[in-house]
Amino acid sequence: MRYIGGMNAERALYEDPAALDLSRKRALADIEAGRVVPNEAVTDWLKTWGTADEKPIPAEWLK
């Protein structure tokens, strides 16, 4: 087996059904609470990557 950063690279990210269920519940709670970023805003930010005008991730997205 190969390990990257202490994780088994051959194992699926959500091989554990309980972890997948918890992740889905957290995502739905974020959506219901309005903790989302519009796709257009993310796309505009990503377009700056690798350019002279590369932008850091907006702090308000991390709240």
Protein backbone atom coordinates (compact mmCIF):
# COMPACT_ATOMS: atom_id res chain seq x y z
CA MET A 1 0.00 0.00 0.00
CA ARG A 2 1.07 3.54 -0.72
CA TYR A 3 0.62 6.32 1.83
CA ILE A 4 0.48 10.02 1.06
CA GLY A 5 0.52 12.47 3.93
CA GLY A 6 -0.39 9.69 6.33
CA MET A 7 -3.39 8.60 4.26
CA ASN A 8 -3.82 5.42 2.28
CA ALA A 9 -3.90 6.56 -1.38
CA GLU A 10 -5.72 3.41 -2.50
CA ARG A 11 -8.67 3.87 -0.17
CA ALA A 12 -11.73 5.73 -1.40
CA LEU A 13 -12.25 9.13 0.19
CA TYR A 14 -15.59 8.09 1.69
CA GLU A 15 -15.22 4.37 1.89
CA ASP A 16 -16.85 4.56 5.31
CA PRO A 17 -20.64 4.98 4.82
CA ALA A 18 -20.95 6.80 8.15
CA ALA A 19 -18.33 9.38 7.07
CA LEU A 20 -20.14 9.91 3.77
CA ASP A 21 -23.46 10.34 5.57
CA LEU A 22 -21.95 12.86 8.00
CA SER A 23 -20.40 14.81 5.11
CA ARG A 24 -23.75 14.98 3.31
CA LYS A 25 -25.53 16.15 6.48
CA ARG A 26 -22.96 18.89 7.02
CA ALA A 27 -23.26 20.03 3.41
CA LEU A 28 -27.05 20.16 3.59
CA ALA A 29 -26.88 22.10 6.86
CA ASP A 30 -24.53 24.62 5.23
CA ILE A 31 -26.89 25.01 2.28
CA GLU A 32 -29.92 25.47 4.53
CA ALA A 33 -28.03 28.06 6.60
CA GLY A 34 -27.05 29.98 3.48
CA ARG A 35 -23.35 29.22 3.84
CA VAL A 36 -22.78 28.93 0.11
CA VAL A 37 -20.74 30.77 -2.52
CA PRO A 38 -22.30 31.37 -5.92
CA ASN A 39 -20.71 29.38 -8.74
CA GLU A 40 -20.01 32.56 -10.73
CA ALA A 41 -18.00 34.01 -7.84
CA VAL A 42 -15.93 30.84 -7.51
CA THR A 43 -15.39 30.68 -11.27
CA ASP A 44 -14.24 34.32 -11.40
CA TRP A 45 -11.81 33.67 -8.53
CA LEU A 46 -10.43 30.50 -10.14
CA LYS A 47 -9.80 32.35 -13.40
CA THR A 48 -7.20 34.45 -11.54
CA TRP A 49 -5.11 31.39 -10.67
CA GLY A 50 -1.77 31.31 -12.43
CA THR A 51 -2.06 34.94 -13.52
CA ALA A 52 -0.21 38.04 -12.42
CA ASP A 53 -3.46 39.09 -10.71
CA GLU A 54 -4.00 35.84 -8.75
CA LYS A 55 -6.41 36.46 -5.86
CA PRO A 56 -6.32 34.73 -2.45
CA ILE A 57 -9.44 32.95 -1.29
CA PRO A 58 -11.86 35.58 0.01
CA ALA A 59 -11.91 35.52 3.82
CA GLU A 60 -15.72 35.67 3.92
CA TRP A 61 -15.85 32.31 2.14
CA LEU A 62 -14.15 30.68 5.13
CA LYS A 63 -16.65 31.81 7.76
